[in-house]
Structure formats: structure tokens, C-alpha cells
Amino acid sequence: MINAVIGNIVELKDDKVIVRCGYVEYIVFISAQTAAQISNLPSKHDVRIITYMQVREDSMSLYGFLSEKERDVFLQLQTVSGIAAKGALKILSGITLADLIKSLDEGNVKALSKIPGIGSKTAGRLILALRGKLVLDEENDAVIAKGSTLSPYKDLINALFEMGYDRNSCEKAINKVINDNHDALIKMNEKEKEQTLFRLAMRELN
């Protein structure tokens, strides 16, 4: 997995950025808000873009963010039925993270429906799936998924923590593995799920 690319900005558009890293140039899809943030950077050299790589049978796509928080929300949005990577990016283009989480918590269908491409039905699904589940963690540059997502895995998180890993990093690793492997995990029994989560979380942490 490519966690981030660090390089010089070659070209910047509303929906993508081209980053030159040595003798390789990466096309990275971004939200309009990330594009605006990159545009305002004092220097376009050695820019670190946090990434998420989507691999399909016929394509590989790289999505980029300037903060862990935006990537965390991007991943959470894709847990909602009908929201794929490009749809999640469109949502992040149309609303700030703080306003998105506030609108979800308040059940504000009207505010969410103002996002281009998001109708009232999709707004309702977003609220139903994510209301009260996301919290901005400014100190650790992260969005924490509350409640049911991680609570069944406290023992696993504690085991990783006792191995010397930072607790916040353990929680983020478990959360990401759950999001990335949701369809496979729901088919497993509890023992298989715990073993798989532990193995994949170790990969994320190392």
C-alpha cells in the first residue's frame, strides 16, 4: 500500500494533482477543497500527500489528501451503501469536514442535500449510517469512529498497545482494516475475524 507520496507539484486541477517523485509522476485524485489547500501552500516542493490506493481488476487509482482526517472521513463515507470512492470525493469537495460531521450529528438533510450530486435520499443514508459515529480529533490529525465500530475489538487494540504501538495508531489501523475489508469480514466467525484483523493491523502498523 502507498501511504503517501512526497514530491513536487507538476500540475493542479480541481479534481486531481500530478506529483513528481524522483523520476516518477503520480496522478492523484483529490477533492476540490484539497486542491484549494494545495494551491495556497507557500511552496509546491516536497509536498506530502497522504494517499489511498484503490485496486480493481481493470484499474488502479490513487486518491490524495493533505490530512489524515480527510482520508479517515473518505474511508468512512465508503461504508455507506451506494457511496464509492469517487462519490466520497465529491462529498468532500462540497463541504468541510467539520460541517459534514456537524450535519450528520444533527441529522441535517437540508445541509447535506446542498452538496452537488447528493440528493435527499443519499443524505438520509449518510445520516442513518454515520450519525453520531465520527469525531474530529484535531490533536492527532484524525477522525475517530465512535461506538460500535471499535468497541468489540478493545482486547485486540489492547494487545497491540501492549506490544509497544501507540494506542491511537492501533485504533486507526483496526478501523482502516475494518473499512477496507468489510465484505470479507462479515462472512467470518469471530475467531477468524480477530485473527484476520490482527494480521492486517500489524501490516498497517509496520
N, C-alpha and C. Protein backbone atom coordinates (compact mmCIF):
# COMPACT_ATOMS: atom_id res chain seq x y z
N MET A 1 0.84 -1.20 0.00
CA MET A 1 0.00 0.00 0.00
C MET A 1 0.88 1.25 0.00
N ILE A 2 0.45 2.26 -0.73
CA ILE A 2 1.16 3.54 -0.74
C ILE A 2 0.49 4.45 0.28
N ASN A 3 1.16 4.74 1.38
CA ASN A 3 0.58 5.57 2.43
C ASN A 3 0.60 7.05 2.08
N ALA A 4 1.64 7.47 1.37
CA ALA A 4 1.77 8.88 0.99
C ALA A 4 2.80 9.01 -0.12
N VAL A 5 2.68 10.09 -0.88
CA VAL A 5 3.72 10.45 -1.85
C VAL A 5 4.24 11.83 -1.48
N ILE A 6 5.54 12.00 -1.59
CA ILE A 6 6.18 13.28 -1.26
C ILE A 6 6.97 13.73 -2.47
N GLY A 7 6.58 14.87 -3.01
CA GLY A 7 7.27 15.34 -4.21
C GLY A 7 6.85 16.73 -4.60
N ASN A 8 7.17 17.10 -5.83
CA ASN A 8 6.88 18.43 -6.35
C ASN A 8 5.59 18.42 -7.16
N ILE A 9 4.78 19.44 -6.97
CA ILE A 9 3.52 19.56 -7.71
C ILE A 9 3.82 20.01 -9.13
N VAL A 10 3.44 19.17 -10.10
CA VAL A 10 3.66 19.48 -11.51
C VAL A 10 2.44 20.16 -12.12
N GLU A 11 1.28 19.66 -11.77
CA GLU A 11 0.02 20.20 -12.30
C GLU A 11 -1.08 20.04 -11.27
N LEU A 12 -1.93 21.06 -11.16
CA LEU A 12 -3.01 21.03 -10.17
C LEU A 12 -4.32 21.41 -10.82
N LYS A 13 -5.33 20.57 -10.65
CA LYS A 13 -6.68 20.85 -11.11
C LYS A 13 -7.63 20.64 -9.95
N ASP A 14 -8.93 20.94 -10.18
CA ASP A 14 -9.91 20.81 -9.10
C ASP A 14 -10.08 19.38 -8.63
N ASP A 15 -9.85 18.41 -9.52
CA ASP A 15 -10.12 17.03 -9.16
C ASP A 15 -8.89 16.13 -9.14
N LYS A 16 -7.72 16.66 -9.46
CA LYS A 16 -6.52 15.83 -9.44
C LYS A 16 -5.26 16.67 -9.39
N VAL A 17 -4.19 16.03 -8.97
CA VAL A 17 -2.89 16.68 -8.91
C VAL A 17 -1.86 15.70 -9.46
N ILE A 18 -0.88 16.22 -10.16
CA ILE A 18 0.23 15.39 -10.63
C ILE A 18 1.45 15.73 -9.79
N VAL A 19 2.01 14.69 -9.17
CA VAL A 19 3.15 14.87 -8.26
C VAL A 19 4.36 14.13 -8.82
N ARG A 20 5.47 14.85 -8.93
CA ARG A 20 6.71 14.22 -9.40
C ARG A 20 7.55 13.81 -8.21
N CYS A 21 7.79 12.51 -8.13
CA CYS A 21 8.63 11.96 -7.06
C CYS A 21 9.84 11.29 -7.73
N GLY A 22 10.95 11.98 -7.73
CA GLY A 22 12.11 11.48 -8.45
C GLY A 22 11.85 11.49 -9.94
N TYR A 23 11.93 10.30 -10.55
CA TYR A 23 11.68 10.19 -11.99
C TYR A 23 10.31 9.59 -12.29
N VAL A 24 9.42 9.62 -11.29
CA VAL A 24 8.08 9.09 -11.47
C VAL A 24 7.06 10.18 -11.18
N GLU A 25 6.03 10.28 -12.01
CA GLU A 25 4.94 11.22 -11.77
C GLU A 25 3.66 10.44 -11.47
N TYR A 26 3.00 10.81 -10.38
CA TYR A 26 1.77 10.15 -9.97
C TYR A 26 0.56 11.05 -10.23
N ILE A 27 -0.49 10.47 -10.79
CA ILE A 27 -1.76 11.17 -10.91
C ILE A 27 -2.58 10.81 -9.67
N VAL A 28 -2.92 11.81 -8.89
CA VAL A 28 -3.63 11.59 -7.63
C VAL A 28 -4.95 12.35 -7.66
N PHE A 29 -6.05 11.64 -7.48
CA PHE A 29 -7.37 12.27 -7.46
C PHE A 29 -7.61 12.91 -6.09
N ILE A 30 -8.13 14.13 -6.11
CA ILE A 30 -8.30 14.90 -4.87
C ILE A 30 -9.65 15.60 -4.86
N SER A 31 -10.05 16.08 -3.70
CA SER A 31 -11.27 16.88 -3.59
C SER A 31 -10.95 18.33 -3.96
N ALA A 32 -11.99 19.08 -4.28
CA ALA A 32 -11.80 20.49 -4.62
C ALA A 32 -11.23 21.27 -3.43
N GLN A 33 -11.60 20.86 -2.23
CA GLN A 33 -11.09 21.56 -1.05
C GLN A 33 -9.60 21.28 -0.85
N THR A 34 -9.18 20.04 -1.12
CA THR A 34 -7.76 19.73 -1.05
C THR A 34 -7.00 20.50 -2.12
N ALA A 35 -7.59 20.62 -3.30
CA ALA A 35 -6.96 21.38 -4.38
C ALA A 35 -6.74 22.83 -3.96
N ALA A 36 -7.75 23.40 -3.29
CA ALA A 36 -7.63 24.79 -2.83
C ALA A 36 -6.52 24.91 -1.78
N GLN A 37 -6.41 23.93 -0.90
CA GLN A 37 -5.37 23.96 0.12
C GLN A 37 -3.98 23.84 -0.49
N ILE A 38 -3.85 22.98 -1.49
CA ILE A 38 -2.55 22.84 -2.17
C ILE A 38 -2.20 24.13 -2.89
N SER A 39 -3.20 24.74 -3.53
CA SER A 39 -2.98 26.00 -4.24
C SER A 39 -2.45 27.09 -3.33
N ASN A 40 -2.85 27.05 -2.06
CA ASN A 40 -2.45 28.08 -1.10
C ASN A 40 -1.15 27.77 -0.37
N LEU A 41 -0.56 26.63 -0.65
CA LEU A 41 0.71 26.29 0.00
C LEU A 41 1.81 27.28 -0.43
N PRO A 42 2.66 27.71 0.48
CA PRO A 42 3.72 28.66 0.13
C PRO A 42 4.75 28.07 -0.83
N SER A 43 4.89 26.74 -0.80
CA SER A 43 5.84 26.07 -1.70
C SER A 43 5.18 24.83 -2.28
N LYS A 44 5.44 24.56 -3.54
CA LYS A 44 4.90 23.37 -4.20
C LYS A 44 5.96 22.26 -4.29
N HIS A 45 7.02 22.40 -3.51
CA HIS A 45 8.08 21.40 -3.49
C HIS A 45 8.01 20.57 -2.21
N ASP A 46 8.34 19.30 -2.33
CA ASP A 46 8.33 18.37 -1.19
C ASP A 46 7.01 18.40 -0.44
N VAL A 47 5.93 18.36 -1.20
CA VAL A 47 4.59 18.32 -0.62
C VAL A 47 4.23 16.88 -0.30
N ARG A 48 3.77 16.66 0.92
CA ARG A 48 3.35 15.30 1.34
C ARG A 48 1.85 15.15 1.15
N ILE A 49 1.47 14.23 0.29
CA ILE A 49 0.07 13.94 0.04
C ILE A 49 -0.23 12.54 0.55
N ILE A 50 -1.08 12.46 1.56
CA ILE A 50 -1.49 11.18 2.12
C ILE A 50 -2.43 10.51 1.12
N THR A 51 -2.26 9.21 0.93
CA THR A 51 -2.98 8.56 -0.16
C THR A 51 -3.79 7.34 0.26
N TYR A 52 -4.69 6.99 -0.63
CA TYR A 52 -5.44 5.73 -0.54
C TYR A 52 -5.44 5.13 -1.95
N MET A 53 -4.97 3.91 -2.08
CA MET A 53 -4.89 3.28 -3.40
C MET A 53 -6.03 2.28 -3.56
N GLN A 54 -6.81 2.48 -4.61
CA GLN A 54 -7.91 1.58 -4.91
C GLN A 54 -7.49 0.68 -6.08
N VAL A 55 -7.54 -0.63 -5.85
CA VAL A 55 -7.13 -1.59 -6.87
C VAL A 55 -8.35 -2.36 -7.35
N ARG A 56 -8.57 -2.31 -8.65
CA ARG A 56 -9.64 -3.09 -9.27
C ARG A 56 -9.05 -3.99 -10.34
N GLU A 57 -9.89 -4.86 -10.89
CA GLU A 57 -9.40 -5.78 -11.92
C GLU A 57 -8.86 -5.04 -13.14
N ASP A 58 -9.49 -3.91 -13.47
CA ASP A 58 -9.12 -3.20 -14.69
C ASP A 58 -8.44 -1.86 -14.46
N SER A 59 -8.19 -1.50 -13.21
CA SER A 59 -7.59 -0.19 -12.96
C SER A 59 -6.99 -0.09 -11.57
N MET A 60 -6.11 0.90 -11.42
CA MET A 60 -5.55 1.26 -10.11
C MET A 60 -5.66 2.77 -9.99
N SER A 61 -6.26 3.25 -8.93
CA SER A 61 -6.45 4.68 -8.74
C SER A 61 -5.87 5.11 -7.41
N LEU A 62 -5.26 6.30 -7.40
CA LEU A 62 -4.66 6.84 -6.19
C LEU A 62 -5.43 8.10 -5.79
N TYR A 63 -5.93 8.12 -4.55
CA TYR A 63 -6.68 9.26 -4.03
C TYR A 63 -5.82 9.95 -2.98
N GLY A 64 -5.83 11.28 -2.97
CA GLY A 64 -4.92 12.00 -2.10
C GLY A 64 -5.58 13.02 -1.19
N PHE A 65 -4.92 13.27 -0.05
CA PHE A 65 -5.44 14.17 0.98
C PHE A 65 -4.26 14.85 1.67
N LEU A 66 -4.49 16.05 2.16
CA LEU A 66 -3.44 16.75 2.89
C LEU A 66 -3.45 16.42 4.37
N SER A 67 -4.51 15.77 4.84
CA SER A 67 -4.58 15.43 6.26
C SER A 67 -5.11 14.02 6.45
N GLU A 68 -4.73 13.42 7.56
CA GLU A 68 -5.24 12.11 7.93
C GLU A 68 -6.76 12.18 8.14
N LYS A 69 -7.22 13.32 8.66
CA LYS A 69 -8.65 13.48 8.93
C LYS A 69 -9.48 13.29 7.67
N GLU A 70 -9.03 13.92 6.58
CA GLU A 70 -9.81 13.83 5.35
C GLU A 70 -9.81 12.39 4.82
N ARG A 71 -8.68 11.71 4.91
CA ARG A 71 -8.64 10.32 4.45
C ARG A 71 -9.54 9.44 5.31
N ASP A 72 -9.53 9.67 6.63
CA ASP A 72 -10.38 8.90 7.53
C ASP A 72 -11.86 9.04 7.16
N VAL A 73 -12.29 10.27 6.89
CA VAL A 73 -13.69 10.51 6.52
C VAL A 73 -13.99 9.89 5.15
N PHE A 74 -13.05 10.03 4.23
CA PHE A 74 -13.17 9.42 2.91
C PHE A 74 -13.46 7.92 3.03
N LEU A 75 -12.73 7.25 3.89
CA LEU A 75 -12.92 5.82 4.09
C LEU A 75 -14.26 5.51 4.76
N GLN A 76 -14.63 6.34 5.74
CA GLN A 76 -15.91 6.13 6.42
C GLN A 76 -17.09 6.32 5.47
N LEU A 77 -17.00 7.30 4.59
CA LEU A 77 -18.09 7.56 3.64
C LEU A 77 -18.35 6.35 2.75
N GLN A 78 -17.30 5.61 2.45
CA GLN A 78 -17.46 4.46 1.57
C GLN A 78 -18.10 3.26 2.25
N THR A 79 -18.31 3.35 3.56
CA THR A 79 -19.03 2.29 4.26
C THR A 79 -20.54 2.44 4.07
N VAL A 80 -20.95 3.58 3.52
CA VAL A 80 -22.37 3.85 3.30
C VAL A 80 -22.80 3.24 1.97
N SER A 81 -23.91 2.55 1.96
CA SER A 81 -24.42 1.92 0.75
C SER A 81 -24.57 2.93 -0.38
N GLY A 82 -24.01 2.62 -1.54
CA GLY A 82 -24.15 3.49 -2.70
C GLY A 82 -23.07 4.54 -2.85
N ILE A 83 -22.17 4.66 -1.84
CA ILE A 83 -21.10 5.66 -1.91
C ILE A 83 -19.78 4.95 -2.23
N ALA A 84 -19.26 5.19 -3.41
CA ALA A 84 -17.96 4.64 -3.80
C ALA A 84 -16.90 5.73 -3.64
N ALA A 85 -15.68 5.42 -4.07
CA ALA A 85 -14.57 6.36 -3.86
C ALA A 85 -14.81 7.71 -4.52
N LYS A 86 -15.25 7.72 -5.76
CA LYS A 86 -15.48 8.99 -6.45
C LYS A 86 -16.61 9.77 -5.81
N GLY A 87 -17.64 9.06 -5.35
CA GLY A 87 -18.74 9.73 -4.67
C GLY A 87 -18.30 10.34 -3.36
N ALA A 88 -17.45 9.62 -2.63
CA ALA A 88 -16.92 10.15 -1.37
C ALA A 88 -16.10 11.40 -1.61
N LEU A 89 -15.34 11.39 -2.70
CA LEU A 89 -14.52 12.56 -3.03
C LEU A 89 -15.40 13.77 -3.39
N LYS A 90 -16.50 13.53 -4.08
CA LYS A 90 -17.42 14.61 -4.42
C LYS A 90 -18.03 15.23 -3.16
N ILE A 91 -18.35 14.38 -2.20
CA ILE A 91 -18.89 14.88 -0.94
C ILE A 91 -17.87 15.78 -0.24
N LEU A 92 -16.61 15.33 -0.21
CA LEU A 92 -15.55 16.11 0.44
C LEU A 92 -15.25 17.39 -0.32
N SER A 93 -15.62 17.42 -1.60
CA SER A 93 -15.44 18.64 -2.39
C SER A 93 -16.49 19.69 -2.06
N GLY A 94 -17.64 19.23 -1.58
CA GLY A 94 -18.76 20.13 -1.40
C GLY A 94 -19.01 20.62 0.01
N ILE A 95 -18.24 20.12 0.99
CA ILE A 95 -18.48 20.53 2.37
C ILE A 95 -17.21 20.30 3.19
N THR A 96 -16.98 21.16 4.19
CA THR A 96 -15.81 20.97 5.05
C THR A 96 -16.04 19.77 5.97
N LEU A 97 -14.95 19.21 6.49
CA LEU A 97 -15.08 18.06 7.39
C LEU A 97 -15.91 18.41 8.62
N ALA A 98 -15.63 19.58 9.19
CA ALA A 98 -16.36 19.99 10.40
C ALA A 98 -17.85 20.13 10.13
N ASP A 99 -18.19 20.75 9.00
CA ASP A 99 -19.60 20.94 8.66
C ASP A 99 -20.28 19.62 8.32
N LEU A 100 -19.53 18.72 7.69
CA LEU A 100 -20.08 17.41 7.35
C LEU A 100 -20.44 16.65 8.62
N ILE A 101 -19.50 16.58 9.55
CA ILE A 101 -19.75 15.84 10.79
C ILE A 101 -20.86 16.49 11.61
N LYS A 102 -20.88 17.82 11.63
CA LYS A 102 -21.95 18.54 12.33
C LYS A 102 -23.31 18.23 11.71
N SER A 103 -23.38 18.25 10.38
CA SER A 103 -24.64 17.98 9.68
C SER A 103 -25.11 16.55 9.92
N LEU A 104 -24.15 15.61 9.96
CA LEU A 104 -24.50 14.22 10.25
C LEU A 104 -25.05 14.08 11.66
N ASP A 105 -24.37 14.69 12.63
CA ASP A 105 -24.79 14.59 14.02
C ASP A 105 -26.16 15.21 14.25
N GLU A 106 -26.44 16.29 13.52
CA GLU A 106 -27.72 17.00 13.69
C GLU A 106 -28.82 16.40 12.83
N GLY A 107 -28.47 15.44 11.96
CA GLY A 107 -29.46 14.88 11.06
C GLY A 107 -29.98 15.90 10.06
N ASN A 108 -29.08 16.78 9.64
CA ASN A 108 -29.47 17.91 8.78
C ASN A 108 -29.48 17.50 7.31
N VAL A 109 -30.61 16.95 6.87
CA VAL A 109 -30.75 16.50 5.48
C VAL A 109 -30.62 17.68 4.51
N LYS A 110 -31.16 18.82 4.89
CA LYS A 110 -31.13 20.00 4.03
C LYS A 110 -29.70 20.43 3.72
N ALA A 111 -28.85 20.48 4.75
CA ALA A 111 -27.47 20.91 4.55
C ALA A 111 -26.71 19.91 3.67
N LEU A 112 -26.91 18.62 3.92
CA LEU A 112 -26.22 17.59 3.14
C LEU A 112 -26.71 17.57 1.70
N SER A 113 -27.99 17.86 1.50
CA SER A 113 -28.55 17.85 0.15
C SER A 113 -28.02 18.98 -0.72
N LYS A 114 -27.41 19.98 -0.10
CA LYS A 114 -26.83 21.09 -0.85
C LYS A 114 -25.50 20.70 -1.51
N ILE A 115 -24.92 19.59 -1.09
CA ILE A 115 -23.68 19.12 -1.70
C ILE A 115 -24.01 18.66 -3.12
N PRO A 116 -23.29 19.16 -4.13
CA PRO A 116 -23.57 18.76 -5.52
C PRO A 116 -23.57 17.25 -5.70
N GLY A 117 -24.64 16.73 -6.31
CA GLY A 117 -24.73 15.29 -6.57
C GLY A 117 -25.33 14.49 -5.44
N ILE A 118 -25.64 15.14 -4.31
CA ILE A 118 -26.22 14.43 -3.16
C ILE A 118 -27.68 14.86 -3.00
N GLY A 119 -28.58 13.95 -3.23
CA GLY A 119 -29.99 14.23 -3.05
C GLY A 119 -30.44 13.90 -1.64
N SER A 120 -31.71 14.09 -1.38
CA SER A 120 -32.23 13.86 -0.03
C SER A 120 -32.15 12.39 0.38
N LYS A 121 -32.31 11.47 -0.58
CA LYS A 121 -32.23 10.04 -0.26
C LYS A 121 -30.82 9.65 0.17
N THR A 122 -29.83 10.12 -0.59
CA THR A 122 -28.44 9.82 -0.24
C THR A 122 -28.08 10.49 1.08
N ALA A 123 -28.56 11.71 1.29
CA ALA A 123 -28.31 12.41 2.55
C ALA A 123 -28.88 11.59 3.73
N GLY A 124 -30.06 11.03 3.52
CA GLY A 124 -30.68 10.21 4.55
C GLY A 124 -29.86 8.96 4.86
N ARG A 125 -29.31 8.34 3.82
CA ARG A 125 -28.47 7.15 4.04
C ARG A 125 -27.20 7.51 4.80
N LEU A 126 -26.62 8.66 4.47
CA LEU A 126 -25.41 9.12 5.16
C LEU A 126 -25.69 9.30 6.65
N ILE A 127 -26.80 9.95 6.95
CA ILE A 127 -27.17 10.21 8.35
C ILE A 127 -27.44 8.90 9.08
N LEU A 128 -28.18 8.01 8.43
CA LEU A 128 -28.53 6.73 9.05
C LEU A 128 -27.27 5.92 9.37
N ALA A 129 -26.28 5.95 8.47
CA ALA A 129 -25.08 5.12 8.65
C ALA A 129 -24.04 5.75 9.56
N LEU A 130 -23.93 7.10 9.53
CA LEU A 130 -22.78 7.74 10.19
C LEU A 130 -23.14 8.70 11.32
N ARG A 131 -24.40 8.94 11.55
CA ARG A 131 -24.79 9.89 12.60
C ARG A 131 -24.25 9.48 13.96
N GLY A 132 -23.54 10.39 14.61
CA GLY A 132 -23.01 10.14 15.94
C GLY A 132 -21.81 9.23 15.99
N LYS A 133 -21.25 8.88 14.84
CA LYS A 133 -20.15 7.91 14.82
C LYS A 133 -18.78 8.52 14.57
N LEU A 134 -18.72 9.79 14.14
CA LEU A 134 -17.44 10.40 13.79
C LEU A 134 -17.14 11.59 14.69
N VAL A 135 -15.89 11.65 15.14
CA VAL A 135 -15.44 12.76 15.98
C VAL A 135 -14.11 13.28 15.45
N LEU A 136 -14.01 14.60 15.28
CA LEU A 136 -12.76 15.19 14.85
C LEU A 136 -11.77 15.19 16.01
N ASP A 137 -10.59 14.63 15.77
CA ASP A 137 -9.51 14.61 16.76
C ASP A 137 -8.40 15.51 16.23
N GLU A 138 -8.49 16.81 16.54
CA GLU A 138 -7.54 17.77 16.00
C GLU A 138 -6.12 17.51 16.48
N GLU A 139 -5.98 17.08 17.72
CA GLU A 139 -4.65 16.88 18.30
C GLU A 139 -3.85 15.82 17.54
N ASN A 140 -4.55 14.74 17.13
CA ASN A 140 -3.86 13.65 16.44
C ASN A 140 -4.14 13.63 14.95
N ASP A 141 -4.72 14.73 14.41
CA ASP A 141 -5.00 14.85 12.99
C ASP A 141 -5.78 13.63 12.49
N ALA A 142 -6.87 13.32 13.17
CA ALA A 142 -7.61 12.13 12.79
C ALA A 142 -9.10 12.31 13.05
N VAL A 143 -9.86 11.46 12.41
CA VAL A 143 -11.29 11.35 12.70
C VAL A 143 -11.50 9.98 13.32
N ILE A 144 -12.03 9.95 14.52
CA ILE A 144 -12.22 8.70 15.24
C ILE A 144 -13.65 8.22 15.05
N ALA A 145 -13.78 6.95 14.70
CA ALA A 145 -15.11 6.34 14.59
C ALA A 145 -15.53 5.90 15.99
N LYS A 146 -16.64 6.44 16.48
CA LYS A 146 -17.09 6.16 17.85
C LYS A 146 -17.91 4.87 17.92
N GLY A 147 -18.08 4.43 19.13
CA GLY A 147 -19.09 3.44 19.45
C GLY A 147 -18.86 2.07 18.87
N SER A 148 -19.85 1.58 18.13
CA SER A 148 -19.90 0.17 17.78
C SER A 148 -18.79 -0.28 16.85
N THR A 149 -18.17 0.62 16.11
CA THR A 149 -17.16 0.20 15.15
C THR A 149 -15.98 -0.48 15.82
N LEU A 150 -15.49 0.10 16.91
CA LEU A 150 -14.27 -0.41 17.54
C LEU A 150 -14.49 -1.10 18.88
N SER A 151 -15.60 -0.84 19.52
CA SER A 151 -15.80 -1.39 20.86
C SER A 151 -15.68 -2.92 20.95
N PRO A 152 -16.07 -3.69 19.93
CA PRO A 152 -15.91 -5.14 20.05
C PRO A 152 -14.45 -5.59 19.98
N TYR A 153 -13.55 -4.67 19.65
CA TYR A 153 -12.16 -5.05 19.43
C TYR A 153 -11.21 -4.41 20.44
N LYS A 154 -11.74 -4.07 21.61
CA LYS A 154 -10.91 -3.45 22.65
C LYS A 154 -9.75 -4.35 23.06
N ASP A 155 -10.02 -5.66 23.20
CA ASP A 155 -8.97 -6.59 23.60
C ASP A 155 -7.86 -6.65 22.55
N LEU A 156 -8.25 -6.61 21.28
CA LEU A 156 -7.27 -6.64 20.20
C LEU A 156 -6.43 -5.37 20.19
N ILE A 157 -7.08 -4.22 20.39
CA ILE A 157 -6.38 -2.94 20.46
C ILE A 157 -5.43 -2.94 21.65
N ASN A 158 -5.89 -3.45 22.79
CA ASN A 158 -5.03 -3.51 23.98
C ASN A 158 -3.82 -4.41 23.75
N ALA A 159 -4.02 -5.53 23.03
CA ALA A 159 -2.92 -6.44 22.75
C ALA A 159 -1.86 -5.75 21.90
N LEU A 160 -2.29 -5.00 20.90
CA LEU A 160 -1.35 -4.27 20.03
C LEU A 160 -0.64 -3.18 20.84
N PHE A 161 -1.41 -2.51 21.70
CA PHE A 161 -0.84 -1.45 22.53
C PHE A 161 0.24 -2.01 23.45
N GLU A 162 -0.02 -3.18 24.02
CA GLU A 162 0.95 -3.80 24.92
C GLU A 162 2.20 -4.28 24.19
N MET A 163 2.11 -4.40 22.87
CA MET A 163 3.28 -4.77 22.08
C MET A 163 4.17 -3.57 21.80
N GLY A 164 3.72 -2.37 22.24
CA GLY A 164 4.56 -1.19 22.10
C GLY A 164 4.07 -0.17 21.10
N TYR A 165 2.91 -0.42 20.48
CA TYR A 165 2.39 0.52 19.50
C TYR A 165 1.55 1.60 20.19
N ASP A 166 1.53 2.79 19.60
CA ASP A 166 0.71 3.89 20.10
C ASP A 166 -0.76 3.51 20.00
N ARG A 167 -1.53 3.79 21.07
CA ARG A 167 -2.94 3.37 21.11
C ARG A 167 -3.76 4.00 19.98
N ASN A 168 -3.53 5.28 19.73
CA ASN A 168 -4.28 5.94 18.67
C ASN A 168 -3.98 5.31 17.31
N SER A 169 -2.70 4.96 17.10
CA SER A 169 -2.31 4.32 15.84
C SER A 169 -2.96 2.94 15.72
N CYS A 170 -3.07 2.24 16.86
CA CYS A 170 -3.72 0.92 16.86
C CYS A 170 -5.20 1.04 16.48
N GLU A 171 -5.88 2.03 17.06
CA GLU A 171 -7.29 2.23 16.76
C GLU A 171 -7.50 2.59 15.30
N LYS A 172 -6.64 3.47 14.78
CA LYS A 172 -6.75 3.87 13.38
C LYS A 172 -6.48 2.70 12.45
N ALA A 173 -5.50 1.86 12.81
CA ALA A 173 -5.16 0.70 11.98
C ALA A 173 -6.33 -0.29 11.93
N ILE A 174 -6.91 -0.59 13.11
CA ILE A 174 -8.04 -1.51 13.16
C ILE A 174 -9.23 -0.94 12.38
N ASN A 175 -9.49 0.35 12.58
CA ASN A 175 -10.60 0.99 11.89
C ASN A 175 -10.44 0.92 10.38
N LYS A 176 -9.21 1.18 9.90
CA LYS A 176 -8.95 1.14 8.47
C LYS A 176 -9.11 -0.27 7.91
N VAL A 177 -8.59 -1.25 8.65
CA VAL A 177 -8.70 -2.64 8.19
C VAL A 177 -10.16 -3.06 8.11
N ILE A 178 -10.96 -2.64 9.09
CA ILE A 178 -12.40 -2.95 9.07
C ILE A 178 -13.05 -2.35 7.84
N ASN A 179 -12.72 -1.09 7.56
CA ASN A 179 -13.32 -0.41 6.40
C ASN A 179 -12.89 -1.04 5.08
N ASP A 180 -11.60 -1.37 4.98
CA ASP A 180 -11.06 -1.90 3.73
C ASP A 180 -11.52 -3.32 3.44
N ASN A 181 -11.88 -4.07 4.49
CA ASN A 181 -12.18 -5.50 4.31
C ASN A 181 -13.57 -5.87 4.84
N HIS A 182 -14.47 -4.90 4.79
CA HIS A 182 -15.79 -5.08 5.38
C HIS A 182 -16.52 -6.31 4.84
N ASP A 183 -16.56 -6.45 3.51
CA ASP A 183 -17.32 -7.54 2.89
C ASP A 183 -16.77 -8.91 3.27
N ALA A 184 -15.45 -9.03 3.36
CA ALA A 184 -14.84 -10.31 3.71
C ALA A 184 -15.04 -10.62 5.19
N LEU A 185 -14.94 -9.61 6.04
CA LEU A 185 -15.02 -9.83 7.48
C LEU A 185 -16.40 -10.30 7.94
N ILE A 186 -17.44 -9.80 7.31
CA ILE A 186 -18.79 -10.16 7.75
C ILE A 186 -19.10 -11.63 7.48
N LYS A 187 -18.31 -12.27 6.63
CA LYS A 187 -18.52 -13.69 6.32
C LYS A 187 -17.76 -14.61 7.28
N MET A 188 -16.93 -14.04 8.16
CA MET A 188 -16.10 -14.83 9.05
C MET A 188 -16.75 -14.99 10.43
N ASN A 189 -16.36 -16.07 11.11
CA ASN A 189 -16.76 -16.19 12.51
C ASN A 189 -15.85 -15.30 13.35
N GLU A 190 -16.15 -15.17 14.64
CA GLU A 190 -15.42 -14.22 15.47
C GLU A 190 -13.93 -14.53 15.57
N LYS A 191 -13.58 -15.81 15.67
CA LYS A 191 -12.18 -16.18 15.78
C LYS A 191 -11.42 -15.84 14.50
N GLU A 192 -11.99 -16.17 13.36
CA GLU A 192 -11.35 -15.86 12.07
C GLU A 192 -11.22 -14.35 11.89
N LYS A 193 -12.27 -13.63 12.30
CA LYS A 193 -12.25 -12.18 12.16
C LYS A 193 -11.14 -11.56 13.00
N GLU A 194 -11.02 -12.01 14.24
CA GLU A 194 -9.99 -11.47 15.14
C GLU A 194 -8.59 -11.76 14.62
N GLN A 195 -8.37 -12.98 14.12
CA GLN A 195 -7.06 -13.34 13.58
C GLN A 195 -6.72 -12.52 12.35
N THR A 196 -7.71 -12.31 11.49
CA THR A 196 -7.50 -11.53 10.27
C THR A 196 -7.23 -10.07 10.60
N LEU A 197 -8.00 -9.51 11.52
CA LEU A 197 -7.81 -8.12 11.92
C LEU A 197 -6.42 -7.92 12.53
N PHE A 198 -6.00 -8.86 13.37
CA PHE A 198 -4.68 -8.74 13.99
C PHE A 198 -3.58 -8.76 12.93
N ARG A 199 -3.67 -9.69 11.99
CA ARG A 199 -2.64 -9.82 10.95
C ARG A 199 -2.58 -8.58 10.06
N LEU A 200 -3.74 -8.10 9.64
CA LEU A 200 -3.76 -6.93 8.75
C LEU A 200 -3.40 -5.64 9.48
N ALA A 201 -3.80 -5.56 10.75
CA ALA A 201 -3.44 -4.37 11.54
C ALA A 201 -1.93 -4.29 11.73
N MET A 202 -1.29 -5.44 11.94
CA MET A 202 0.17 -5.47 12.07
C MET A 202 0.85 -4.95 10.80
N ARG A 203 0.28 -5.28 9.65
CA ARG A 203 0.83 -4.77 8.38
C ARG A 203 0.72 -3.25 8.33
N GLU A 204 -0.43 -2.73 8.77
CA GLU A 204 -0.63 -1.28 8.75
C GLU A 204 0.34 -0.57 9.70
N LEU A 205 0.63 -1.20 10.83
CA LEU A 205 1.44 -0.55 11.85
C LEU A 205 2.94 -0.65 11.56
N ASN A 206 3.34 -1.59 10.73
CA ASN A 206 4.77 -1.79 10.45
C ASN A 206 5.17 -1.18 9.10
